[in-house]
Amino acid sequence: MSSRMRMALVLVLVAAAWWMSQDPTPQPAPPAPTPAVGLNLDGLFVGPTAAEDAAALAALADEIADEIEWDGQQPEPYLATGVAFDELRTRARVARMRGQSIGERQPRARDAIADYLTDELGEGGGPVDAAARAAWVAAYRTIAGACRHAYQ
């Protein structure tokens, strides 16, 4: 077999291998993320900092949930009341945001989150048991998920 014939055969085999490796069926588009159950913040973050604000609140809510959860695993939790949990939120926001208020820039999201927290956790600031602590953690994880969904 001549070198031209070998080269032609190799090219045909490469082309056939490439053609067979192509998937003729179109892949379905990945499903759009769904908002967190109980809280939908879609469209509530507006303006030039909307995505940045939603991302920052998602990170902050995740961190608060982590802190509350970790504290509850300690032999003597430091955070033992609803007031302490709220103080953690306030202090974390001030420290993380360096005094900036996302709530002032995003009042619709702020109000929806406040209503959600009141609906889920009530307004009591007294002692917190394991079940109430778990509810706080779940609420903040829901807020984080809703914020992430709002900017994706």
N, C-alpha and C. Protein backbone atom coordinates (compact mmCIF):
# COMPACT_ATOMS: atom_id res chain seq x y z
N MET A 1 0.85 -1.17 0.00
CA MET A 1 0.00 0.00 0.00
C MET A 1 0.90 1.23 0.00
N SER A 2 0.57 2.18 -0.83
CA SER A 2 1.39 3.37 -0.94
C SER A 2 1.17 4.29 0.26
N SER A 3 2.09 5.21 0.45
CA SER A 3 1.99 6.13 1.58
C SER A 3 0.77 7.05 1.44
N ARG A 4 0.42 7.37 0.20
CA ARG A 4 -0.79 8.20 -0.01
C ARG A 4 -2.05 7.44 0.40
N MET A 5 -2.07 6.17 0.08
CA MET A 5 -3.23 5.34 0.44
C MET A 5 -3.32 5.19 1.96
N ARG A 6 -2.17 4.98 2.61
CA ARG A 6 -2.17 4.87 4.08
C ARG A 6 -2.66 6.17 4.71
N MET A 7 -2.17 7.28 4.21
CA MET A 7 -2.57 8.59 4.74
C MET A 7 -4.06 8.80 4.54
N ALA A 8 -4.58 8.44 3.38
CA ALA A 8 -6.01 8.58 3.11
C ALA A 8 -6.83 7.69 4.04
N LEU A 9 -6.35 6.47 4.27
CA LEU A 9 -7.04 5.54 5.16
C LEU A 9 -7.04 6.08 6.60
N VAL A 10 -5.93 6.60 7.05
CA VAL A 10 -5.84 7.18 8.41
C VAL A 10 -6.82 8.35 8.53
N LEU A 11 -6.85 9.21 7.53
CA LEU A 11 -7.76 10.36 7.56
C LEU A 11 -9.21 9.91 7.60
N VAL A 12 -9.55 8.89 6.82
CA VAL A 12 -10.91 8.37 6.81
C VAL A 12 -11.25 7.79 8.18
N LEU A 13 -10.33 7.04 8.79
CA LEU A 13 -10.58 6.46 10.11
C LEU A 13 -10.72 7.54 11.19
N VAL A 14 -9.90 8.55 11.13
CA VAL A 14 -10.00 9.66 12.10
C VAL A 14 -11.33 10.38 11.93
N ALA A 15 -11.71 10.65 10.69
CA ALA A 15 -12.98 11.33 10.43
C ALA A 15 -14.15 10.46 10.91
N ALA A 16 -14.08 9.15 10.67
CA ALA A 16 -15.15 8.25 11.11
C ALA A 16 -15.23 8.20 12.63
N ALA A 17 -14.07 8.16 13.30
CA ALA A 17 -14.06 8.15 14.76
C ALA A 17 -14.66 9.44 15.31
N TRP A 18 -14.28 10.56 14.72
CA TRP A 18 -14.82 11.84 15.17
C TRP A 18 -16.33 11.88 14.95
N TRP A 19 -16.78 11.47 13.79
CA TRP A 19 -18.20 11.50 13.46
C TRP A 19 -18.99 10.62 14.42
N MET A 20 -18.47 9.44 14.76
CA MET A 20 -19.17 8.53 15.66
C MET A 20 -19.18 9.03 17.11
N SER A 21 -18.21 9.86 17.43
CA SER A 21 -18.16 10.36 18.81
C SER A 21 -19.14 11.50 19.04
N GLN A 22 -19.66 12.08 17.98
CA GLN A 22 -20.62 13.18 18.12
C GLN A 22 -21.97 12.63 18.53
N ASP A 23 -22.59 13.28 19.53
CA ASP A 23 -23.91 12.87 20.02
C ASP A 23 -24.97 13.63 19.23
N PRO A 24 -25.73 12.93 18.37
CA PRO A 24 -26.70 13.62 17.53
C PRO A 24 -27.91 14.13 18.29
N THR A 25 -28.16 13.62 19.50
CA THR A 25 -29.33 14.08 20.23
C THR A 25 -28.98 15.32 21.05
N PRO A 26 -29.77 16.36 20.91
CA PRO A 26 -29.48 17.57 21.68
C PRO A 26 -29.69 17.32 23.18
N GLN A 27 -28.83 17.88 23.96
CA GLN A 27 -28.94 17.74 25.42
C GLN A 27 -29.93 18.77 25.94
N PRO A 28 -30.78 18.36 26.89
CA PRO A 28 -31.72 19.35 27.43
C PRO A 28 -30.97 20.40 28.25
N ALA A 29 -31.52 21.58 28.25
CA ALA A 29 -30.92 22.65 29.04
C ALA A 29 -31.06 22.32 30.52
N PRO A 30 -30.07 22.66 31.32
CA PRO A 30 -30.20 22.38 32.74
C PRO A 30 -31.38 23.17 33.32
N PRO A 31 -32.08 22.59 34.27
CA PRO A 31 -33.22 23.30 34.82
C PRO A 31 -32.78 24.57 35.55
N ALA A 32 -33.62 25.56 35.48
CA ALA A 32 -33.34 26.80 36.20
C ALA A 32 -33.42 26.52 37.69
N PRO A 33 -32.54 27.14 38.48
CA PRO A 33 -32.61 26.91 39.92
C PRO A 33 -33.95 27.39 40.46
N THR A 34 -34.47 26.68 41.41
CA THR A 34 -35.74 27.07 42.00
C THR A 34 -35.50 27.87 43.26
N PRO A 35 -36.36 28.83 43.55
CA PRO A 35 -36.17 29.62 44.76
C PRO A 35 -36.33 28.75 46.01
N ALA A 36 -35.72 29.20 47.07
CA ALA A 36 -35.83 28.48 48.34
C ALA A 36 -37.29 28.44 48.77
N VAL A 37 -37.68 27.32 49.33
CA VAL A 37 -39.06 27.16 49.80
C VAL A 37 -39.30 28.16 50.92
N GLY A 38 -40.39 28.87 50.83
CA GLY A 38 -40.76 29.80 51.89
C GLY A 38 -40.26 31.21 51.70
N LEU A 39 -39.34 31.42 50.80
CA LEU A 39 -38.81 32.77 50.60
C LEU A 39 -38.36 32.92 49.15
N ASN A 40 -38.93 33.89 48.48
CA ASN A 40 -38.55 34.18 47.10
C ASN A 40 -38.14 35.64 47.03
N LEU A 41 -36.86 35.87 46.75
CA LEU A 41 -36.34 37.24 46.67
C LEU A 41 -36.10 37.69 45.23
N ASP A 42 -36.56 36.87 44.27
CA ASP A 42 -36.37 37.22 42.87
C ASP A 42 -36.99 38.59 42.58
N GLY A 43 -36.21 39.45 41.95
CA GLY A 43 -36.69 40.77 41.55
C GLY A 43 -36.70 41.80 42.68
N LEU A 44 -36.32 41.41 43.88
CA LEU A 44 -36.34 42.36 45.00
C LEU A 44 -35.02 43.08 45.19
N PHE A 45 -33.95 42.54 44.61
CA PHE A 45 -32.66 43.24 44.61
C PHE A 45 -32.61 44.04 43.31
N VAL A 46 -32.45 45.34 43.42
CA VAL A 46 -32.48 46.20 42.23
C VAL A 46 -31.29 47.17 42.25
N GLY A 47 -31.05 47.75 41.10
CA GLY A 47 -30.02 48.76 40.99
C GLY A 47 -28.67 48.19 40.61
N PRO A 48 -27.69 49.06 40.51
CA PRO A 48 -26.37 48.64 40.02
C PRO A 48 -25.63 47.68 40.96
N THR A 49 -26.01 47.63 42.22
CA THR A 49 -25.34 46.73 43.18
C THR A 49 -26.19 45.51 43.51
N ALA A 50 -27.24 45.26 42.76
CA ALA A 50 -28.19 44.19 43.09
C ALA A 50 -27.52 42.83 43.24
N ALA A 51 -26.77 42.41 42.24
CA ALA A 51 -26.13 41.08 42.30
C ALA A 51 -25.10 41.02 43.42
N GLU A 52 -24.32 42.07 43.56
CA GLU A 52 -23.32 42.13 44.63
C GLU A 52 -23.98 42.09 46.01
N ASP A 53 -25.06 42.82 46.17
CA ASP A 53 -25.78 42.84 47.45
C ASP A 53 -26.37 41.47 47.78
N ALA A 54 -26.98 40.85 46.79
CA ALA A 54 -27.58 39.52 47.01
C ALA A 54 -26.50 38.50 47.35
N ALA A 55 -25.37 38.57 46.67
CA ALA A 55 -24.27 37.64 46.95
C ALA A 55 -23.72 37.87 48.36
N ALA A 56 -23.57 39.11 48.74
CA ALA A 56 -23.06 39.42 50.08
C ALA A 56 -24.02 38.92 51.16
N LEU A 57 -25.32 39.12 50.94
CA LEU A 57 -26.30 38.64 51.93
C LEU A 57 -26.34 37.12 51.98
N ALA A 58 -26.16 36.47 50.85
CA ALA A 58 -26.11 35.00 50.84
C ALA A 58 -24.94 34.52 51.68
N ALA A 59 -23.78 35.12 51.48
CA ALA A 59 -22.59 34.72 52.25
C ALA A 59 -22.78 35.02 53.73
N LEU A 60 -23.35 36.15 54.04
CA LEU A 60 -23.58 36.53 55.43
C LEU A 60 -24.56 35.57 56.11
N ALA A 61 -25.64 35.25 55.43
CA ALA A 61 -26.64 34.33 56.00
C ALA A 61 -26.05 32.93 56.20
N ASP A 62 -25.24 32.47 55.25
CA ASP A 62 -24.57 31.17 55.41
C ASP A 62 -23.65 31.19 56.63
N GLU A 63 -22.91 32.26 56.79
CA GLU A 63 -21.98 32.37 57.91
C GLU A 63 -22.73 32.40 59.24
N ILE A 64 -23.82 33.13 59.31
CA ILE A 64 -24.62 33.18 60.53
C ILE A 64 -25.16 31.79 60.86
N ALA A 65 -25.67 31.09 59.86
CA ALA A 65 -26.17 29.73 60.09
C ALA A 65 -25.06 28.83 60.61
N ASP A 66 -23.88 28.93 60.00
CA ASP A 66 -22.73 28.12 60.44
C ASP A 66 -22.37 28.43 61.89
N GLU A 67 -22.34 29.70 62.24
CA GLU A 67 -21.97 30.10 63.60
C GLU A 67 -22.98 29.60 64.63
N ILE A 68 -24.26 29.75 64.34
CA ILE A 68 -25.31 29.29 65.26
C ILE A 68 -25.22 27.77 65.41
N GLU A 69 -25.04 27.08 64.30
CA GLU A 69 -24.95 25.63 64.34
C GLU A 69 -23.72 25.16 65.13
N TRP A 70 -22.57 25.75 64.84
CA TRP A 70 -21.33 25.38 65.54
C TRP A 70 -21.45 25.66 67.03
N ASP A 71 -21.97 26.83 67.38
CA ASP A 71 -22.11 27.19 68.78
C ASP A 71 -22.97 26.16 69.53
N GLY A 72 -24.01 25.66 68.88
CA GLY A 72 -24.88 24.68 69.51
C GLY A 72 -24.22 23.34 69.75
N GLN A 73 -23.10 23.08 69.11
CA GLN A 73 -22.37 21.83 69.30
C GLN A 73 -21.35 21.91 70.43
N GLN A 74 -21.22 23.09 71.02
CA GLN A 74 -20.26 23.27 72.11
C GLN A 74 -20.87 22.79 73.42
N PRO A 75 -20.02 22.36 74.38
CA PRO A 75 -20.54 21.90 75.68
C PRO A 75 -21.39 22.96 76.38
N GLU A 76 -20.98 24.21 76.29
CA GLU A 76 -21.76 25.32 76.86
C GLU A 76 -21.90 26.40 75.79
N PRO A 77 -22.97 26.34 75.00
CA PRO A 77 -23.14 27.33 73.93
C PRO A 77 -23.12 28.75 74.46
N TYR A 78 -22.46 29.60 73.72
CA TYR A 78 -22.39 31.02 74.05
C TYR A 78 -23.71 31.70 73.68
N LEU A 79 -24.25 31.31 72.55
CA LEU A 79 -25.51 31.89 72.06
C LEU A 79 -26.65 31.03 72.59
N ALA A 80 -27.42 31.58 73.53
CA ALA A 80 -28.45 30.76 74.18
C ALA A 80 -29.85 31.37 74.11
N THR A 81 -29.96 32.55 73.48
CA THR A 81 -31.28 33.20 73.40
C THR A 81 -31.49 33.76 72.00
N GLY A 82 -32.75 34.01 71.69
CA GLY A 82 -33.07 34.65 70.43
C GLY A 82 -32.43 36.03 70.32
N VAL A 83 -32.34 36.73 71.44
CA VAL A 83 -31.69 38.04 71.43
C VAL A 83 -30.22 37.89 71.04
N ALA A 84 -29.55 36.87 71.57
CA ALA A 84 -28.14 36.64 71.23
C ALA A 84 -27.98 36.32 69.75
N PHE A 85 -28.91 35.54 69.19
CA PHE A 85 -28.85 35.23 67.76
C PHE A 85 -29.00 36.50 66.93
N ASP A 86 -29.93 37.36 67.33
CA ASP A 86 -30.14 38.60 66.60
C ASP A 86 -28.93 39.52 66.75
N GLU A 87 -28.33 39.52 67.92
CA GLU A 87 -27.12 40.33 68.13
C GLU A 87 -25.99 39.82 67.24
N LEU A 88 -25.87 38.50 67.11
CA LEU A 88 -24.87 37.92 66.20
C LEU A 88 -25.10 38.43 64.78
N ARG A 89 -26.34 38.42 64.34
CA ARG A 89 -26.67 38.90 62.99
C ARG A 89 -26.24 40.35 62.82
N THR A 90 -26.58 41.18 63.81
CA THR A 90 -26.24 42.60 63.72
C THR A 90 -24.74 42.81 63.70
N ARG A 91 -24.03 42.14 64.62
CA ARG A 91 -22.57 42.29 64.69
C ARG A 91 -21.90 41.75 63.43
N ALA A 92 -22.37 40.63 62.93
CA ALA A 92 -21.78 40.04 61.71
C ALA A 92 -22.00 40.98 60.52
N ARG A 93 -23.17 41.57 60.45
CA ARG A 93 -23.45 42.50 59.34
C ARG A 93 -22.53 43.71 59.42
N VAL A 94 -22.40 44.28 60.61
CA VAL A 94 -21.55 45.46 60.76
C VAL A 94 -20.10 45.12 60.42
N ALA A 95 -19.63 43.98 60.93
CA ALA A 95 -18.24 43.60 60.68
C ALA A 95 -18.01 43.27 59.20
N ARG A 96 -18.89 42.50 58.63
CA ARG A 96 -18.70 42.05 57.24
C ARG A 96 -18.89 43.20 56.25
N MET A 97 -19.87 44.04 56.51
CA MET A 97 -20.22 45.09 55.56
C MET A 97 -19.52 46.41 55.87
N ARG A 98 -18.74 46.42 56.93
CA ARG A 98 -17.98 47.62 57.32
C ARG A 98 -18.88 48.85 57.44
N GLY A 99 -20.04 48.63 58.03
CA GLY A 99 -20.95 49.73 58.28
C GLY A 99 -21.92 50.05 57.15
N GLN A 100 -21.70 49.48 55.97
CA GLN A 100 -22.63 49.73 54.87
C GLN A 100 -23.93 48.97 55.14
N SER A 101 -25.02 49.52 54.73
CA SER A 101 -26.31 48.86 54.93
C SER A 101 -26.91 48.45 53.60
N ILE A 102 -26.90 47.15 53.38
CA ILE A 102 -27.55 46.63 52.18
C ILE A 102 -29.05 46.88 52.28
N GLY A 103 -29.58 46.82 53.50
CA GLY A 103 -31.01 47.06 53.69
C GLY A 103 -31.45 48.43 53.22
N GLU A 104 -30.59 49.43 53.35
CA GLU A 104 -30.93 50.77 52.86
C GLU A 104 -30.96 50.79 51.33
N ARG A 105 -30.05 50.03 50.71
CA ARG A 105 -30.03 49.99 49.24
C ARG A 105 -31.09 49.05 48.69
N GLN A 106 -31.44 48.03 49.46
CA GLN A 106 -32.37 46.99 48.99
C GLN A 106 -33.54 46.84 49.98
N PRO A 107 -34.36 47.87 50.13
CA PRO A 107 -35.43 47.80 51.15
C PRO A 107 -36.47 46.72 50.88
N ARG A 108 -36.73 46.41 49.62
CA ARG A 108 -37.73 45.37 49.34
C ARG A 108 -37.22 44.00 49.79
N ALA A 109 -35.96 43.71 49.52
CA ALA A 109 -35.38 42.44 49.98
C ALA A 109 -35.30 42.44 51.50
N ARG A 110 -34.87 43.54 52.10
CA ARG A 110 -34.78 43.64 53.57
C ARG A 110 -36.12 43.34 54.21
N ASP A 111 -37.19 43.94 53.70
CA ASP A 111 -38.51 43.75 54.29
C ASP A 111 -39.00 42.32 54.11
N ALA A 112 -38.73 41.72 52.95
CA ALA A 112 -39.15 40.33 52.71
C ALA A 112 -38.41 39.39 53.66
N ILE A 113 -37.13 39.64 53.86
CA ILE A 113 -36.34 38.80 54.78
C ILE A 113 -36.83 38.98 56.21
N ALA A 114 -37.10 40.21 56.61
CA ALA A 114 -37.61 40.46 57.96
C ALA A 114 -38.94 39.77 58.18
N ASP A 115 -39.84 39.87 57.21
CA ASP A 115 -41.14 39.19 57.33
C ASP A 115 -40.96 37.68 57.41
N TYR A 116 -40.06 37.15 56.60
CA TYR A 116 -39.80 35.71 56.62
C TYR A 116 -39.28 35.27 57.99
N LEU A 117 -38.32 35.99 58.53
CA LEU A 117 -37.77 35.63 59.85
C LEU A 117 -38.85 35.69 60.93
N THR A 118 -39.70 36.71 60.88
CA THR A 118 -40.77 36.82 61.86
C THR A 118 -41.75 35.65 61.72
N ASP A 119 -42.11 35.33 60.47
CA ASP A 119 -43.04 34.22 60.23
C ASP A 119 -42.44 32.89 60.69
N GLU A 120 -41.16 32.67 60.43
CA GLU A 120 -40.53 31.39 60.74
C GLU A 120 -40.12 31.26 62.20
N LEU A 121 -39.68 32.37 62.81
CA LEU A 121 -39.07 32.29 64.13
C LEU A 121 -39.83 33.04 65.21
N GLY A 122 -40.78 33.85 64.81
CA GLY A 122 -41.51 34.64 65.79
C GLY A 122 -40.68 35.82 66.25
N GLU A 123 -41.14 36.43 67.33
CA GLU A 123 -40.45 37.63 67.83
C GLU A 123 -39.90 37.43 69.23
N GLY A 124 -40.00 36.21 69.75
CA GLY A 124 -39.49 35.95 71.10
C GLY A 124 -37.97 35.98 71.12
N GLY A 125 -37.43 36.58 72.16
CA GLY A 125 -35.98 36.68 72.27
C GLY A 125 -35.43 35.86 73.43
N GLY A 126 -36.27 35.01 73.99
CA GLY A 126 -35.89 34.25 75.17
C GLY A 126 -35.00 33.06 74.88
N PRO A 127 -34.89 32.15 75.86
CA PRO A 127 -34.02 30.98 75.74
C PRO A 127 -34.37 30.14 74.51
N VAL A 128 -33.33 29.53 73.94
CA VAL A 128 -33.48 28.74 72.71
C VAL A 128 -33.06 27.30 73.00
N ASP A 129 -33.94 26.36 72.66
CA ASP A 129 -33.58 24.94 72.81
C ASP A 129 -33.04 24.43 71.48
N ALA A 130 -32.71 23.15 71.42
CA ALA A 130 -32.11 22.57 70.22
C ALA A 130 -33.03 22.69 69.00
N ALA A 131 -34.33 22.51 69.19
CA ALA A 131 -35.27 22.61 68.07
C ALA A 131 -35.34 24.04 67.54
N ALA A 132 -35.38 25.01 68.45
CA ALA A 132 -35.42 26.41 68.02
C ALA A 132 -34.11 26.79 67.34
N ARG A 133 -32.99 26.30 67.85
CA ARG A 133 -31.70 26.58 67.22
C ARG A 133 -31.69 26.03 65.80
N ALA A 134 -32.19 24.82 65.62
CA ALA A 134 -32.26 24.22 64.29
C ALA A 134 -33.14 25.05 63.36
N ALA A 135 -34.22 25.62 63.89
CA ALA A 135 -35.11 26.47 63.09
C ALA A 135 -34.37 27.74 62.64
N TRP A 136 -33.57 28.32 63.53
CA TRP A 136 -32.79 29.50 63.18
C TRP A 136 -31.78 29.15 62.08
N VAL A 137 -31.11 28.04 62.23
CA VAL A 137 -30.13 27.62 61.22
C VAL A 137 -30.83 27.41 59.88
N ALA A 138 -31.94 26.70 59.89
CA ALA A 138 -32.68 26.44 58.65
C ALA A 138 -33.16 27.74 58.00
N ALA A 139 -33.62 28.68 58.82
CA ALA A 139 -34.10 29.96 58.29
C ALA A 139 -32.98 30.72 57.60
N TYR A 140 -31.81 30.76 58.23
CA TYR A 140 -30.70 31.47 57.60
C TYR A 140 -30.19 30.75 56.36
N ARG A 141 -30.24 29.45 56.34
CA ARG A 141 -29.84 28.72 55.12
C ARG A 141 -30.85 29.00 54.00
N THR A 142 -32.12 29.10 54.35
CA THR A 142 -33.14 29.44 53.36
C THR A 142 -32.90 30.84 52.80
N ILE A 143 -32.57 31.78 53.68
CA ILE A 143 -32.28 33.15 53.23
C ILE A 143 -31.08 33.13 52.27
N ALA A 144 -30.03 32.40 52.64
CA ALA A 144 -28.85 32.33 51.78
C ALA A 144 -29.22 31.77 50.40
N GLY A 145 -30.01 30.69 50.40
CA GLY A 145 -30.42 30.09 49.12
C GLY A 145 -31.27 31.04 48.29
N ALA A 146 -32.18 31.75 48.93
CA ALA A 146 -33.03 32.70 48.20
C ALA A 146 -32.20 33.85 47.64
N CYS A 147 -31.21 34.30 48.39
CA CYS A 147 -30.33 35.37 47.89
C CYS A 147 -29.52 34.88 46.70
N ARG A 148 -28.96 33.68 46.79
CA ARG A 148 -28.20 33.13 45.67
C ARG A 148 -29.08 32.99 44.43
N HIS A 149 -30.29 32.50 44.63
CA HIS A 149 -31.20 32.34 43.49
C HIS A 149 -31.54 33.69 42.87
N ALA A 150 -31.64 34.71 43.68
CA ALA A 150 -32.03 36.03 43.18
C ALA A 150 -30.98 36.64 42.26
N TYR A 151 -29.73 36.26 42.42
CA TYR A 151 -28.71 36.87 41.55
C TYR A 151 -28.16 35.93 40.49
N GLN A 152 -28.67 34.72 40.40
CA GLN A 152 -28.18 33.79 39.38
C GLN A 152 -28.97 33.91 38.11
